[in-house]
Amino acid sequence: MSTSKHKFPALHNAMWPGIVGKGGAAEPAIDLDTMLNLTASAEVDGTKFDGVDLFLALPHTDIDSTDDQLKELADKLAAHELVAGSLVAPVWPPVGGGSAMGSEEERSRFLTQVRKACEIGKKLRSLGIRKYGVIRIDSAEGPAAWSQDPITNTKTIASTFREACNIAEEYGERLAAEGEICWGGMHGWKHMVELLEQVGRPKTLGFQADMAHTMLYSLGYNSPESRLLPADYDWSDHSVLKNALKQVADALRAWTIDFHVAQNDGTVKGSGSHDKTGRHCPPDDPNGKMNIVEIAGLWMRNEDGSPTRAYEHICWDGCMFPNSMMTAPEIWVKILATMIQVRDAHGWD
């Protein structure tokens, strides 16, 4: 019997930490079956994860999956008593996409991947394994290239995103732009707001807030002009951090349609195209800078304190966890317990 106080939002675990930042003999990719087994096995006082968010790229889920392969995936999730939620479109060049501010050919590849992701999303809905969630995108370009011509490049990204909105609407999908400091035109909270406003399609394109990434927004990594915390900030003064994070959340909450619970130790970890990306850490990491439950409330509650109810699930993102940690069953129990605490504090029925 579950002791969880609320039924909503559903609790999900992200599958892409098994791939992102992995590679080579030291940290090989963790296959989807292993990630699903670890997720499904976690339990806290009768409560388990409700579902998973999926990365539509090999070695997990092929963006060119056949109908039979998608049926097999749906059956696999059902066997674990899990559902599918948000899907990550593989819009980056290494996995078949292209820059959203690039040439016509590059933008075409970007939009092709969005279409394929939306098609998979629709098929998973028809299979009954996916009833909510968004398609996640980003600019598939770094801040350095964007900074060469910020005005033109933001306009181009916005144009590409509007075309992506047209595609999403064909399939009854919504898109969420991932607010992460490694994506050009999205690498600072002010830039993110400007881009969303330029796209101007709030019913179709919203924001995906990840607590680890939005904390870095307050530090101004890759966007010093957006920094909110003082350069000599004393991390022991939690009120200053909360005020900064509230400013970020206030600016982006109304756009937020997908939410990741996470912890961050205030440092960055770049790998490949992920320039200075958030160093996610476990919920009980002694170097973690946030009170997870308290800061989650900045995103999950409106100014008047009422739940936003803007999304039907929340997801834990453990990107950049070492394999030794990710394959230890006890870490997922700790994570699930944290997710339950967040839902108990800010959820609804």
Protein backbone atom coordinates (compact mmCIF):
# COMPACT_ATOMS: atom_id res chain seq x y z
CA MET A 1 0.00 0.00 0.00
CA SER A 2 1.50 3.31 -1.08
CA THR A 3 1.97 5.98 1.57
CA SER A 4 2.45 8.74 -1.03
CA LYS A 5 0.25 11.77 -0.24
CA HIS A 6 -0.69 12.66 -3.82
CA LYS A 7 -1.39 10.83 -7.08
CA PHE A 8 -0.17 13.57 -9.40
CA PRO A 9 2.16 14.32 -11.04
CA ALA A 10 3.40 10.88 -12.07
CA LEU A 11 7.01 10.02 -11.21
CA HIS A 12 9.39 9.20 -14.06
CA ASN A 13 13.05 8.34 -14.47
CA ALA A 14 15.12 9.50 -17.47
CA MET A 15 16.75 6.81 -19.59
CA TRP A 16 19.30 9.00 -21.44
CA PRO A 17 21.80 9.18 -18.55
CA GLY A 18 22.67 5.67 -19.71
CA ILE A 19 24.00 7.21 -22.95
CA VAL A 20 24.81 10.92 -22.51
CA GLY A 21 28.44 11.45 -21.52
CA LYS A 22 29.16 7.74 -21.94
CA GLY A 23 31.54 6.04 -24.32
CA GLY A 24 34.81 4.14 -24.24
CA ALA A 25 35.91 1.29 -22.03
CA ALA A 26 35.88 3.27 -18.79
CA GLU A 27 32.24 4.43 -18.98
CA PRO A 28 30.39 2.41 -21.64
CA ALA A 29 26.77 3.14 -22.42
CA ILE A 30 24.24 1.44 -20.16
CA ASP A 31 21.64 -0.42 -22.23
CA LEU A 32 17.94 0.36 -22.02
CA ASP A 33 17.02 -3.00 -20.48
CA THR A 34 19.37 -2.37 -17.57
CA MET A 35 18.01 1.14 -17.06
CA LEU A 36 14.45 -0.18 -17.10
CA ASN A 37 15.23 -2.98 -14.67
CA LEU A 38 16.87 -0.58 -12.20
CA THR A 39 13.94 1.84 -12.49
CA ALA A 40 11.23 -0.79 -12.09
CA SER A 41 12.96 -2.42 -9.13
CA ALA A 42 13.05 0.74 -6.99
CA GLU A 43 10.31 0.97 -4.37
CA VAL A 44 9.69 3.14 -1.31
CA ASP A 45 6.85 2.25 1.07
CA GLY A 46 4.73 0.82 -1.71
CA THR A 47 5.40 3.60 -4.23
CA LYS A 48 7.31 2.90 -7.45
CA PHE A 49 8.26 4.90 -10.54
CA ASP A 50 5.28 5.30 -12.86
CA GLY A 51 7.21 5.61 -16.09
CA VAL A 52 10.29 6.63 -18.03
CA ASP A 53 11.31 9.40 -20.45
CA LEU A 54 13.09 8.06 -23.52
CA PHE A 55 16.01 9.08 -25.73
CA LEU A 56 15.20 8.38 -29.39
CA ALA A 57 18.70 7.38 -30.44
CA LEU A 58 20.75 4.21 -30.45
CA PRO A 59 21.86 2.32 -28.46
CA HIS A 60 18.48 2.87 -26.74
CA THR A 61 15.51 3.61 -29.02
CA ASP A 62 16.20 3.92 -32.76
CA ILE A 63 14.69 7.07 -34.30
CA ASP A 64 13.99 4.87 -37.34
CA SER A 65 12.25 2.16 -35.31
CA THR A 66 9.78 -0.03 -37.19
CA ASP A 67 6.22 -0.53 -35.98
CA ASP A 68 7.20 -3.98 -34.74
CA GLN A 69 10.11 -2.53 -32.76
CA LEU A 70 7.84 0.09 -31.18
CA LYS A 71 5.32 -2.62 -30.27
CA GLU A 72 8.18 -4.56 -28.67
CA LEU A 73 9.19 -1.44 -26.73
CA ALA A 74 5.62 -0.87 -25.57
CA ASP A 75 5.31 -4.47 -24.44
CA LYS A 76 8.62 -4.21 -22.59
CA LEU A 77 7.52 -1.09 -20.72
CA ALA A 78 4.16 -2.67 -19.88
CA ALA A 79 5.90 -5.76 -18.53
CA HIS A 80 7.78 -3.48 -16.13
CA GLU A 81 4.51 -1.68 -15.26
CA LEU A 82 5.98 1.53 -16.67
CA VAL A 83 4.67 4.01 -19.24
CA ALA A 84 6.49 6.32 -21.67
CA GLY A 85 6.39 10.06 -21.13
CA SER A 86 8.52 12.72 -22.78
CA LEU A 87 10.75 11.80 -25.72
CA VAL A 88 14.06 13.39 -26.68
CA ALA A 89 14.34 14.11 -30.41
CA PRO A 90 17.91 13.43 -31.66
CA VAL A 91 18.35 16.79 -33.38
CA TRP A 92 22.17 16.99 -33.14
CA PRO A 93 24.56 16.32 -36.06
CA PRO A 94 26.22 13.22 -34.51
CA VAL A 95 22.85 11.40 -34.44
CA GLY A 96 21.46 12.55 -37.77
CA GLY A 97 20.19 16.07 -37.02
CA GLY A 98 21.59 19.51 -37.73
CA SER A 99 21.97 22.97 -36.26
CA ALA A 100 18.71 24.91 -35.87
CA MET A 101 20.62 28.06 -36.94
CA GLY A 102 22.61 26.37 -39.70
CA SER A 103 22.24 26.03 -43.46
CA GLU A 104 18.96 25.01 -45.10
CA GLU A 105 20.30 21.44 -45.27
CA GLU A 106 21.20 21.43 -41.57
CA ARG A 107 17.85 22.89 -40.56
CA SER A 108 16.10 20.33 -42.77
CA ARG A 109 17.89 17.50 -40.95
CA PHE A 110 16.84 19.06 -37.62
CA LEU A 111 13.19 19.18 -38.70
CA THR A 112 13.30 15.64 -40.11
CA GLN A 113 14.34 14.35 -36.69
CA VAL A 114 11.54 16.32 -35.04
CA ARG A 115 9.03 14.77 -37.44
CA LYS A 116 10.33 11.25 -36.79
CA ALA A 117 10.17 11.84 -33.03
CA CYS A 118 6.60 13.14 -33.25
CA GLU A 119 5.63 10.12 -35.33
CA ILE A 120 7.06 7.77 -32.72
CA GLY A 121 5.26 9.72 -30.01
CA LYS A 122 1.95 9.33 -31.83
CA LYS A 123 2.52 5.60 -32.39
CA LEU A 124 3.35 5.04 -28.72
CA ARG A 125 0.10 6.83 -27.85
CA SER A 126 -1.84 4.57 -30.19
CA LEU A 127 -0.21 1.56 -28.50
CA GLY A 128 -1.60 2.82 -25.19
CA ILE A 129 1.79 3.11 -23.48
CA ARG A 130 2.09 6.92 -23.69
CA LYS A 131 -0.71 9.21 -22.56
CA TYR A 132 1.26 12.38 -21.70
CA GLY A 133 4.65 14.01 -22.19
CA VAL A 134 6.35 16.24 -24.75
CA ILE A 135 9.01 16.05 -27.44
CA ARG A 136 12.22 17.69 -26.23
CA ILE A 137 14.37 19.81 -28.54
CA ASP A 138 17.21 22.33 -28.34
CA SER A 139 19.13 24.45 -30.83
CA ALA A 140 21.72 21.72 -31.57
CA GLU A 141 24.37 24.44 -31.62
CA GLY A 142 26.87 25.78 -29.11
CA PRO A 143 27.03 29.26 -27.54
CA ALA A 144 30.33 30.10 -29.27
CA ALA A 145 28.88 29.78 -32.76
CA TRP A 146 25.70 31.60 -31.71
CA SER A 147 27.69 34.52 -30.29
CA GLN A 148 29.19 35.34 -33.69
CA ASP A 149 25.87 36.94 -34.69
CA PRO A 150 23.40 36.74 -31.78
CA ILE A 151 20.52 38.66 -33.35
CA THR A 152 20.49 36.78 -36.67
CA ASN A 153 21.14 33.42 -35.08
CA THR A 154 18.32 33.75 -32.55
CA LYS A 155 15.96 34.76 -35.37
CA THR A 156 17.03 31.68 -37.36
CA ILE A 157 16.58 29.34 -34.40
CA ALA A 158 13.14 30.85 -33.76
CA SER A 159 12.20 30.30 -37.41
CA THR A 160 13.32 26.67 -37.23
CA PHE A 161 11.40 26.16 -34.00
CA ARG A 162 8.24 27.63 -35.57
CA GLU A 163 8.55 25.11 -38.41
CA ALA A 164 9.01 22.40 -35.77
CA CYS A 165 5.80 23.63 -34.12
CA ASN A 166 3.95 23.16 -37.40
CA ILE A 167 5.18 19.57 -37.53
CA ALA A 168 4.31 18.88 -33.89
CA GLU A 169 0.78 20.17 -34.36
CA GLU A 170 0.26 17.70 -37.22
CA TYR A 171 0.84 14.88 -34.72
CA GLY A 172 -0.93 16.37 -31.70
CA GLU A 173 2.39 16.85 -29.90
CA ARG A 174 3.95 19.67 -27.89
CA LEU A 175 7.63 20.62 -27.92
CA ALA A 176 9.76 21.63 -24.94
CA ALA A 177 12.99 23.58 -25.37
CA GLU A 178 15.63 22.31 -22.96
CA GLY A 179 17.04 25.15 -20.89
CA GLU A 180 20.68 24.14 -20.74
CA ILE A 181 23.76 26.35 -20.89
CA CYS A 182 25.43 24.32 -23.65
CA TRP A 183 22.82 25.22 -26.30
CA GLY A 184 23.33 28.44 -28.25
CA GLY A 185 20.51 30.95 -27.91
CA MET A 186 19.29 29.02 -24.87
CA HIS A 187 22.46 29.25 -22.78
CA GLY A 188 21.22 32.00 -20.44
CA TRP A 189 17.80 32.50 -18.87
CA LYS A 190 17.32 35.87 -20.58
CA HIS A 191 18.25 34.37 -23.96
CA MET A 192 15.82 31.53 -23.32
CA VAL A 193 12.93 33.90 -22.61
CA GLU A 194 13.77 35.96 -25.69
CA LEU A 195 13.81 32.85 -27.90
CA LEU A 196 10.48 31.55 -26.58
CA GLU A 197 8.90 34.96 -27.13
CA GLN A 198 10.28 35.18 -30.67
CA VAL A 199 8.85 31.76 -31.51
CA GLY A 200 5.56 32.93 -30.05
CA ARG A 201 3.78 29.56 -30.05
CA PRO A 202 3.13 28.97 -26.32
CA LYS A 203 0.45 26.33 -26.95
CA THR A 204 2.95 24.21 -28.88
CA LEU A 205 6.45 25.19 -27.75
CA GLY A 206 7.21 25.52 -24.07
CA PHE A 207 10.18 25.25 -21.73
CA GLN A 208 11.74 22.22 -20.09
CA ALA A 209 13.12 23.20 -16.71
CA ASP A 210 15.83 21.02 -15.22
CA MET A 211 16.82 22.10 -11.72
CA ALA A 212 20.52 21.39 -12.30
CA HIS A 213 20.58 23.48 -15.46
CA THR A 214 18.44 26.36 -14.22
CA MET A 215 20.74 26.65 -11.21
CA LEU A 216 23.64 27.23 -13.61
CA TYR A 217 21.56 29.93 -15.28
CA SER A 218 21.83 31.88 -12.02
CA LEU A 219 25.63 31.54 -12.13
CA GLY A 220 25.88 32.96 -15.64
CA TYR A 221 28.03 30.16 -17.12
CA ASN A 222 28.30 30.84 -20.88
CA SER A 223 26.21 34.02 -20.35
CA PRO A 224 27.92 36.33 -17.82
CA GLU A 225 25.41 39.08 -18.55
CA SER A 226 22.69 36.79 -17.15
CA ARG A 227 24.44 36.08 -13.86
CA LEU A 228 22.28 36.62 -10.78
CA LEU A 229 24.51 35.35 -7.98
CA PRO A 230 27.37 37.62 -6.84
CA ALA A 231 30.84 36.64 -8.06
CA ASP A 232 31.98 36.07 -4.47
CA TYR A 233 28.79 34.25 -3.50
CA ASP A 234 28.93 32.41 -0.17
CA TRP A 235 27.08 29.14 -0.75
CA SER A 236 26.22 28.90 2.93
CA ASP A 237 23.76 31.80 2.46
CA HIS A 238 20.91 29.77 1.03
CA SER A 239 18.48 32.70 0.88
CA VAL A 240 20.57 34.45 -1.79
CA LEU A 241 20.51 31.32 -3.98
CA LYS A 242 16.78 30.85 -3.50
CA ASN A 243 16.11 34.47 -4.48
CA ALA A 244 18.21 34.06 -7.64
CA LEU A 245 16.49 30.81 -8.58
CA LYS A 246 13.11 32.39 -7.93
CA GLN A 247 13.96 35.13 -10.43
CA VAL A 248 14.77 32.50 -13.05
CA ALA A 249 11.63 30.51 -12.25
CA ASP A 250 9.43 33.61 -12.29
CA ALA A 251 10.71 34.43 -15.78
CA LEU A 252 10.19 30.94 -17.19
CA ARG A 253 7.50 29.23 -15.09
CA ALA A 254 4.64 30.28 -17.34
CA TRP A 255 6.44 28.64 -20.28
CA THR A 256 7.32 25.43 -18.40
CA ILE A 257 5.57 22.29 -19.64
CA ASP A 258 8.17 19.67 -18.65
CA PHE A 259 10.07 19.50 -15.36
CA HIS A 260 13.18 17.63 -14.20
CA VAL A 261 14.01 17.20 -10.56
CA ALA A 262 17.78 17.20 -10.05
CA GLN A 263 20.65 18.28 -7.82
CA ASN A 264 23.78 20.24 -8.76
CA ASP A 265 27.05 20.84 -6.90
CA GLY A 266 27.64 24.24 -8.52
CA THR A 267 30.29 23.05 -10.96
CA VAL A 268 30.14 22.23 -14.67
CA LYS A 269 31.17 19.22 -16.66
CA GLY A 270 31.60 19.49 -20.42
CA SER A 271 31.85 16.59 -22.82
CA GLY A 272 31.82 16.83 -26.62
CA SER A 273 28.94 19.04 -27.74
CA HIS A 274 27.88 19.48 -24.13
CA ASP A 275 29.93 22.56 -23.32
CA LYS A 276 29.90 23.33 -19.60
CA THR A 277 26.79 21.32 -18.92
CA GLY A 278 25.27 20.82 -15.49
CA ARG A 279 27.00 18.39 -13.16
CA HIS A 280 24.01 16.48 -11.88
CA CYS A 281 24.72 14.77 -8.59
CA PRO A 282 22.80 12.40 -6.30
CA PRO A 283 20.08 13.83 -4.06
CA ASP A 284 22.14 13.17 -0.92
CA ASP A 285 25.45 14.51 -2.29
CA PRO A 286 27.09 16.57 0.49
CA ASN A 287 28.19 19.09 -2.16
CA GLY A 288 24.66 19.54 -3.51
CA LYS A 289 23.74 23.23 -3.38
CA MET A 290 19.94 23.09 -3.42
CA ASN A 291 17.23 22.07 -1.01
CA ILE A 292 15.61 19.94 -3.70
CA VAL A 293 12.06 19.92 -2.35
CA GLU A 294 12.05 23.65 -1.63
CA ILE A 295 13.50 24.69 -5.00
CA ALA A 296 11.18 22.32 -6.90
CA GLY A 297 8.33 24.33 -5.45
CA LEU A 298 9.54 27.44 -7.28
CA TRP A 299 8.69 25.64 -10.53
CA MET A 300 5.73 23.50 -9.45
CA ARG A 301 3.76 26.27 -7.70
CA ASN A 302 2.36 29.54 -8.99
CA GLU A 303 3.04 32.89 -7.32
CA ASP A 304 -0.12 32.41 -5.23
CA GLY A 305 1.16 29.05 -3.98
CA SER A 306 -1.23 26.88 -5.98
CA PRO A 307 0.19 23.94 -8.00
CA THR A 308 0.73 24.88 -11.65
CA ARG A 309 -0.57 21.50 -12.88
CA ALA A 310 1.31 22.34 -16.09
CA TYR A 311 2.58 18.79 -16.64
CA GLU A 312 1.27 15.34 -15.81
CA HIS A 313 4.61 13.93 -14.74
CA ILE A 314 7.95 15.01 -13.34
CA CYS A 315 11.22 13.28 -14.18
CA TRP A 316 14.50 12.65 -12.39
CA ASP A 317 17.56 13.42 -14.53
CA GLY A 318 20.80 11.73 -13.45
CA CYS A 319 22.98 12.80 -16.39
CA MET A 320 26.73 12.38 -15.87
CA PHE A 321 26.36 9.95 -12.95
CA PRO A 322 29.25 7.45 -13.11
CA ASN A 323 28.27 3.91 -14.12
CA SER A 324 29.28 2.54 -10.74
CA MET A 325 26.63 4.77 -9.18
CA MET A 326 23.97 4.24 -11.84
CA THR A 327 24.12 0.47 -11.63
CA ALA A 328 23.76 0.42 -7.84
CA PRO A 329 20.08 -0.33 -7.01
CA GLU A 330 20.19 1.72 -3.81
CA ILE A 331 20.76 5.01 -5.68
CA TRP A 332 17.39 4.64 -7.42
CA VAL A 333 15.66 4.07 -4.11
CA LYS A 334 17.18 7.33 -2.81
CA ILE A 335 16.12 9.13 -5.97
CA LEU A 336 12.59 7.74 -5.83
CA ALA A 337 12.32 8.78 -2.17
CA THR A 338 13.31 12.32 -3.16
CA MET A 339 10.75 12.36 -5.98
CA ILE A 340 8.05 11.26 -3.54
CA GLN A 341 9.03 14.06 -1.15
CA VAL A 342 8.72 16.57 -4.02
CA ARG A 343 5.27 15.24 -4.95
CA ASP A 344 4.14 15.13 -1.32
CA ALA A 345 5.10 18.80 -0.97
CA HIS A 346 3.85 20.15 -4.31
CA GLY A 347 1.60 17.57 -5.95
CA TRP A 348 -2.16 17.30 -6.31
CA ASP A 349 -5.03 14.85 -6.68
